[in-house]
Amino acid sequence: MFSPDRIVIGCRDKEAGEEIRELYKGFDTDFVMTTIESAEMIKYASNAFLATNICCVE
């Protein structure tokens, strides 16, 4: 949580996205600004990958 690989911001309005980005400016990581729908898909894909990675590691 304190050292994320990336921060994904889903927004409809670019100004709102920039305000959210300002809240997370203390993190030294990549920011991805995209639509809300794309942000949800990124979340689902990331969680599915992590779940698969955890259960398949021996």
PDB file of N, CA and C in Angstrom:
ATOM      1  N   MET A   1       0.810  -1.184   0.000  1.00  0.00           N
ATOM      2  CA  MET A   1       0.000   0.000   0.000  1.00  0.00           C
ATOM      3  C   MET A   1       0.866   1.266   0.000  1.00  0.00           C
ATOM      4  N   PHE A   2       1.992   1.216   0.676  1.00  0.00           N
ATOM      5  CA  PHE A   2       2.821   2.405   0.774  1.00  0.00           C
ATOM      6  C   PHE A   2       3.835   2.524  -0.354  1.00  0.00           C
ATOM      7  N   SER A   3       3.977   1.483  -1.159  1.00  0.00           N
ATOM      8  CA  SER A   3       4.869   1.566  -2.316  1.00  0.00           C
ATOM      9  C   SER A   3       4.205   0.876  -3.516  1.00  0.00           C
ATOM     10  N   PRO A   4       3.188   1.512  -4.085  1.00  0.00           N
ATOM     11  CA  PRO A   4       2.459   0.893  -5.201  1.00  0.00           C
ATOM     12  C   PRO A   4       3.282   0.864  -6.485  1.00  0.00           C
ATOM     13  N   ASP A   5       2.968  -0.111  -7.350  1.00  0.00           N
ATOM     14  CA  ASP A   5       3.610  -0.192  -8.662  1.00  0.00           C
ATOM     15  C   ASP A   5       3.114   0.927  -9.566  1.00  0.00           C
ATOM     16  N   ARG A   6       1.844   1.264  -9.393  1.00  0.00           N
ATOM     17  CA  ARG A   6       1.223   2.315 -10.197  1.00  0.00           C
ATOM     18  C   ARG A   6      -0.029   2.791  -9.468  1.00  0.00           C
ATOM     19  N   ILE A   7      -0.473   3.966  -9.825  1.00  0.00           N
ATOM     20  CA  ILE A   7      -1.732   4.489  -9.311  1.00  0.00           C
ATOM     21  C   ILE A   7      -2.610   4.761 -10.523  1.00  0.00           C
ATOM     22  N   VAL A   8      -3.770   4.115 -10.554  1.00  0.00           N
ATOM     23  CA  VAL A   8      -4.696   4.256 -11.665  1.00  0.00           C
ATOM     24  C   VAL A   8      -5.814   5.195 -11.230  1.00  0.00           C
ATOM     25  N   ILE A   9      -6.026   6.246 -12.010  1.00  0.00           N
ATOM     26  CA  ILE A   9      -7.062   7.225 -11.720  1.00  0.00           C
ATOM     27  C   ILE A   9      -8.072   7.187 -12.858  1.00  0.00           C
ATOM     28  N   GLY A  10      -9.293   6.794 -12.534  1.00  0.00           N
ATOM     29  CA  GLY A  10     -10.370   6.781 -13.512  1.00  0.00           C
ATOM     30  C   GLY A  10     -11.258   7.987 -13.296  1.00  0.00           C
ATOM     31  N   CYS A  11     -11.466   8.765 -14.349  1.00  0.00           N
ATOM     32  CA  CYS A  11     -12.287   9.975 -14.201  1.00  0.00           C
ATOM     33  C   CYS A  11     -12.921  10.337 -15.537  1.00  0.00           C
ATOM     34  N   ARG A  12     -13.998  11.094 -15.439  1.00  0.00           N
ATOM     35  CA  ARG A  12     -14.661  11.605 -16.639  1.00  0.00           C
ATOM     36  C   ARG A  12     -14.152  13.000 -16.995  1.00  0.00           C
ATOM     37  N   ASP A  13     -13.683  13.727 -15.995  1.00  0.00           N
ATOM     38  CA  ASP A  13     -13.247  15.106 -16.171  1.00  0.00           C
ATOM     39  C   ASP A  13     -11.752  15.201 -15.884  1.00  0.00           C
ATOM     40  N   LYS A  14     -10.981  15.740 -16.820  1.00  0.00           N
ATOM     41  CA  LYS A  14      -9.526  15.814 -16.651  1.00  0.00           C
ATOM     42  C   LYS A  14      -9.137  16.639 -15.431  1.00  0.00           C
ATOM     43  N   GLU A  15      -9.861  17.716 -15.164  1.00  0.00           N
ATOM     44  CA  GLU A  15      -9.556  18.553 -13.997  1.00  0.00           C
ATOM     45  C   GLU A  15      -9.743  17.777 -12.700  1.00  0.00           C
ATOM     46  N   ALA A  16     -10.791  16.974 -12.621  1.00  0.00           N
ATOM     47  CA  ALA A  16     -11.024  16.157 -11.428  1.00  0.00           C
ATOM     48  C   ALA A  16      -9.893  15.142 -11.262  1.00  0.00           C
ATOM     49  N   GLY A  17      -9.454  14.554 -12.367  1.00  0.00           N
ATOM     50  CA  GLY A  17      -8.353  13.607 -12.315  1.00  0.00           C
ATOM     51  C   GLY A  17      -7.068  14.246 -11.814  1.00  0.00           C
ATOM     52  N   GLU A  18      -6.824  15.472 -12.232  1.00  0.00           N
ATOM     53  CA  GLU A  18      -5.626  16.181 -11.772  1.00  0.00           C
ATOM     54  C   GLU A  18      -5.703  16.487 -10.276  1.00  0.00           C
ATOM     55  N   GLU A  19      -6.898  16.775  -9.779  1.00  0.00           N
ATOM     56  CA  GLU A  19      -7.058  17.014  -8.343  1.00  0.00           C
ATOM     57  C   GLU A  19      -6.786  15.742  -7.549  1.00  0.00           C
ATOM     58  N   ILE A  20      -7.268  14.611  -8.041  1.00  0.00           N
ATOM     59  CA  ILE A  20      -6.997  13.326  -7.383  1.00  0.00           C
ATOM     60  C   ILE A  20      -5.503  13.025  -7.432  1.00  0.00           C
ATOM     61  N   ARG A  21      -4.895  13.292  -8.567  1.00  0.00           N
ATOM     62  CA  ARG A  21      -3.448  13.065  -8.699  1.00  0.00           C
ATOM     63  C   ARG A  21      -2.667  13.910  -7.685  1.00  0.00           C
ATOM     64  N   GLU A  22      -3.127  15.112  -7.453  1.00  0.00           N
ATOM     65  CA  GLU A  22      -2.488  16.001  -6.474  1.00  0.00           C
ATOM     66  C   GLU A  22      -2.535  15.389  -5.075  1.00  0.00           C
ATOM     67  N   LEU A  23      -3.608  14.674  -4.759  1.00  0.00           N
ATOM     68  CA  LEU A  23      -3.717  14.015  -3.447  1.00  0.00           C
ATOM     69  C   LEU A  23      -2.644  12.944  -3.256  1.00  0.00           C
ATOM     70  N   TYR A  24      -2.253  12.297  -4.346  1.00  0.00           N
ATOM     71  CA  TYR A  24      -1.291  11.201  -4.288  1.00  0.00           C
ATOM     72  C   TYR A  24       0.120  11.623  -4.697  1.00  0.00           C
ATOM     73  N   LYS A  25       0.395  12.917  -4.728  1.00  0.00           N
ATOM     74  CA  LYS A  25       1.682  13.394  -5.223  1.00  0.00           C
ATOM     75  C   LYS A  25       2.865  12.927  -4.384  1.00  0.00           C
ATOM     76  N   GLY A  26       2.641  12.503  -3.157  1.00  0.00           N
ATOM     77  CA  GLY A  26       3.723  12.046  -2.297  1.00  0.00           C
ATOM     78  C   GLY A  26       4.288  10.685  -2.686  1.00  0.00           C
ATOM     79  N   PHE A  27       3.573   9.948  -3.525  1.00  0.00           N
ATOM     80  CA  PHE A  27       4.028   8.635  -3.958  1.00  0.00           C
ATOM     81  C   PHE A  27       4.938   8.769  -5.168  1.00  0.00           C
ATOM     82  N   ASP A  28       6.065   8.085  -5.119  1.00  0.00           N
ATOM     83  CA  ASP A  28       7.014   8.097  -6.226  1.00  0.00           C
ATOM     84  C   ASP A  28       6.731   6.900  -7.119  1.00  0.00           C
ATOM     85  N   THR A  29       5.715   7.020  -7.961  1.00  0.00           N
ATOM     86  CA  THR A  29       5.300   5.927  -8.823  1.00  0.00           C
ATOM     87  C   THR A  29       4.661   6.481 -10.089  1.00  0.00           C
ATOM     88  N   ASP A  30       4.335   5.595 -11.010  1.00  0.00           N
ATOM     89  CA  ASP A  30       3.682   5.996 -12.255  1.00  0.00           C
ATOM     90  C   ASP A  30       2.192   6.220 -12.020  1.00  0.00           C
ATOM     91  N   PHE A  31       1.642   7.203 -12.688  1.00  0.00           N
ATOM     92  CA  PHE A  31       0.212   7.481 -12.651  1.00  0.00           C
ATOM     93  C   PHE A  31      -0.383   7.136 -14.002  1.00  0.00           C
ATOM     94  N   VAL A  32      -1.537   6.488 -13.980  1.00  0.00           N
ATOM     95  CA  VAL A  32      -2.269   6.176 -15.196  1.00  0.00           C
ATOM     96  C   VAL A  32      -3.623   6.867 -15.080  1.00  0.00           C
ATOM     97  N   MET A  33      -3.885   7.806 -15.968  1.00  0.00           N
ATOM     98  CA  MET A  33      -5.171   8.493 -15.977  1.00  0.00           C
ATOM     99  C   MET A  33      -5.968   7.968 -17.160  1.00  0.00           C
ATOM    100  N   THR A  34      -7.168   7.487 -16.873  1.00  0.00           N
ATOM    101  CA  THR A  34      -7.967   6.847 -17.898  1.00  0.00           C
ATOM    102  C   THR A  34      -9.450   7.036 -17.586  1.00  0.00           C
ATOM    103  N   THR A  35     -10.299   6.446 -18.394  1.00  0.00           N
ATOM    104  CA  THR A  35     -11.735   6.522 -18.131  1.00  0.00           C
ATOM    105  C   THR A  35     -12.072   5.624 -16.943  1.00  0.00           C
ATOM    106  N   ILE A  36     -13.241   5.829 -16.386  1.00  0.00           N
ATOM    107  CA  ILE A  36     -13.665   5.023 -15.241  1.00  0.00           C
ATOM    108  C   ILE A  36     -13.769   3.549 -15.630  1.00  0.00           C
ATOM    109  N   GLU A  37     -14.317   3.288 -16.807  1.00  0.00           N
ATOM    110  CA  GLU A  37     -14.477   1.900 -17.256  1.00  0.00           C
ATOM    111  C   GLU A  37     -13.122   1.207 -17.445  1.00  0.00           C
ATOM    112  N   SER A  38     -12.167   1.913 -18.019  1.00  0.00           N
ATOM    113  CA  SER A  38     -10.836   1.334 -18.208  1.00  0.00           C
ATOM    114  C   SER A  38     -10.137   1.109 -16.872  1.00  0.00           C
ATOM    115  N   ALA A  39     -10.331   2.008 -15.925  1.00  0.00           N
ATOM    116  CA  ALA A  39      -9.734   1.847 -14.595  1.00  0.00           C
ATOM    117  C   ALA A  39     -10.295   0.603 -13.912  1.00  0.00           C
ATOM    118  N   GLU A  40     -11.590   0.346 -14.083  1.00  0.00           N
ATOM    119  CA  GLU A  40     -12.184  -0.865 -13.510  1.00  0.00           C
ATOM    120  C   GLU A  40     -11.594  -2.121 -14.134  1.00  0.00           C
ATOM    121  N   MET A  41     -11.396  -2.105 -15.455  1.00  0.00           N
ATOM    122  CA  MET A  41     -10.809  -3.270 -16.126  1.00  0.00           C
ATOM    123  C   MET A  41      -9.361  -3.487 -15.688  1.00  0.00           C
ATOM    124  N   ILE A  42      -8.609  -2.404 -15.500  1.00  0.00           N
ATOM    125  CA  ILE A  42      -7.238  -2.529 -15.013  1.00  0.00           C
ATOM    126  C   ILE A  42      -7.238  -3.164 -13.633  1.00  0.00           C
ATOM    127  N   LYS A  43      -8.170  -2.747 -12.775  1.00  0.00           N
ATOM    128  CA  LYS A  43      -8.277  -3.310 -11.430  1.00  0.00           C
ATOM    129  C   LYS A  43      -8.588  -4.806 -11.499  1.00  0.00           C
ATOM    130  N   TYR A  44      -9.599  -5.187 -12.295  1.00  0.00           N
ATOM    131  CA  TYR A  44      -9.970  -6.601 -12.394  1.00  0.00           C
ATOM    132  C   TYR A  44      -8.823  -7.444 -12.961  1.00  0.00           C
ATOM    133  N   ALA A  45      -8.165  -6.950 -13.993  1.00  0.00           N
ATOM    134  CA  ALA A  45      -7.053  -7.692 -14.603  1.00  0.00           C
ATOM    135  C   ALA A  45      -5.885  -7.840 -13.627  1.00  0.00           C
ATOM    136  N   SER A  46      -5.576  -6.780 -12.897  1.00  0.00           N
ATOM    137  CA  SER A  46      -4.477  -6.839 -11.923  1.00  0.00           C
ATOM    138  C   SER A  46      -4.787  -7.828 -10.808  1.00  0.00           C
ATOM    139  N   ASN A  47      -6.012  -7.785 -10.291  1.00  0.00           N
ATOM    140  CA  ASN A  47      -6.396  -8.708  -9.218  1.00  0.00           C
ATOM    141  C   ASN A  47      -6.401 -10.153  -9.700  1.00  0.00           C
ATOM    142  N   ALA A  48      -6.871 -10.388 -10.924  1.00  0.00           N
ATOM    143  CA  ALA A  48      -6.875 -11.747 -11.470  1.00  0.00           C
ATOM    144  C   ALA A  48      -5.441 -12.254 -11.633  1.00  0.00           C
ATOM    145  N   PHE A  49      -4.550 -11.402 -12.130  1.00  0.00           N
ATOM    146  CA  PHE A  49      -3.154 -11.797 -12.282  1.00  0.00           C
ATOM    147  C   PHE A  49      -2.533 -12.125 -10.931  1.00  0.00           C
ATOM    148  N   LEU A  50      -2.765 -11.275  -9.925  1.00  0.00           N
ATOM    149  CA  LEU A  50      -2.189 -11.530  -8.612  1.00  0.00           C
ATOM    150  C   LEU A  50      -2.716 -12.816  -7.992  1.00  0.00           C
ATOM    151  N   ALA A  51      -4.006 -13.061  -8.138  1.00  0.00           N
ATOM    152  CA  ALA A  51      -4.601 -14.290  -7.606  1.00  0.00           C
ATOM    153  C   ALA A  51      -4.009 -15.516  -8.285  1.00  0.00           C
ATOM    154  N   THR A  52      -3.844 -15.442  -9.602  1.00  0.00           N
ATOM    155  CA  THR A  52      -3.253 -16.554 -10.349  1.00  0.00           C
ATOM    156  C   THR A  52      -1.796 -16.751  -9.944  1.00  0.00           C
ATOM    157  N   ASN A  53      -1.092 -15.671  -9.776  1.00  0.00           N
ATOM    158  CA  ASN A  53       0.316 -15.728  -9.413  1.00  0.00           C
ATOM    159  C   ASN A  53       0.501 -16.330  -8.016  1.00  0.00           C
ATOM    160  N   ILE A  54      -0.356 -15.962  -7.083  1.00  0.00           N
ATOM    161  CA  ILE A  54      -0.251 -16.473  -5.712  1.00  0.00           C
ATOM    162  C   ILE A  54      -0.542 -17.963  -5.658  1.00  0.00           C
ATOM    163  N   CYS A  55      -1.606 -18.403  -6.361  1.00  0.00           N
ATOM    164  CA  CYS A  55      -2.000 -19.806  -6.239  1.00  0.00           C
ATOM    165  C   CYS A  55      -1.100 -20.738  -7.030  1.00  0.00           C
ATOM    166  N   CYS A  56      -0.344 -20.226  -7.967  1.00  0.00           N
ATOM    167  CA  CYS A  56       0.514 -21.089  -8.797  1.00  0.00           C
ATOM    168  C   CYS A  56       1.953 -21.102  -8.378  1.00  0.00           C
ATOM    169  N   VAL A  57       2.330 -20.311  -7.400  1.00  0.00           N
ATOM    170  CA  VAL A  57       3.711 -20.270  -6.928  1.00  0.00           C
ATOM    171  C   VAL A  57       3.938 -21.424  -5.958  1.00  0.00           C
ATOM    172  N   GLU A  58       4.983 -22.171  -6.167  1.00  0.00           N
ATOM    173  CA  GLU A  58       5.263 -23.309  -5.282  1.00  0.00           C
ATOM    174  C   GLU A  58       6.425 -23.011  -4.394  1.00  0.00           C
TER     175      GLU A  58
END
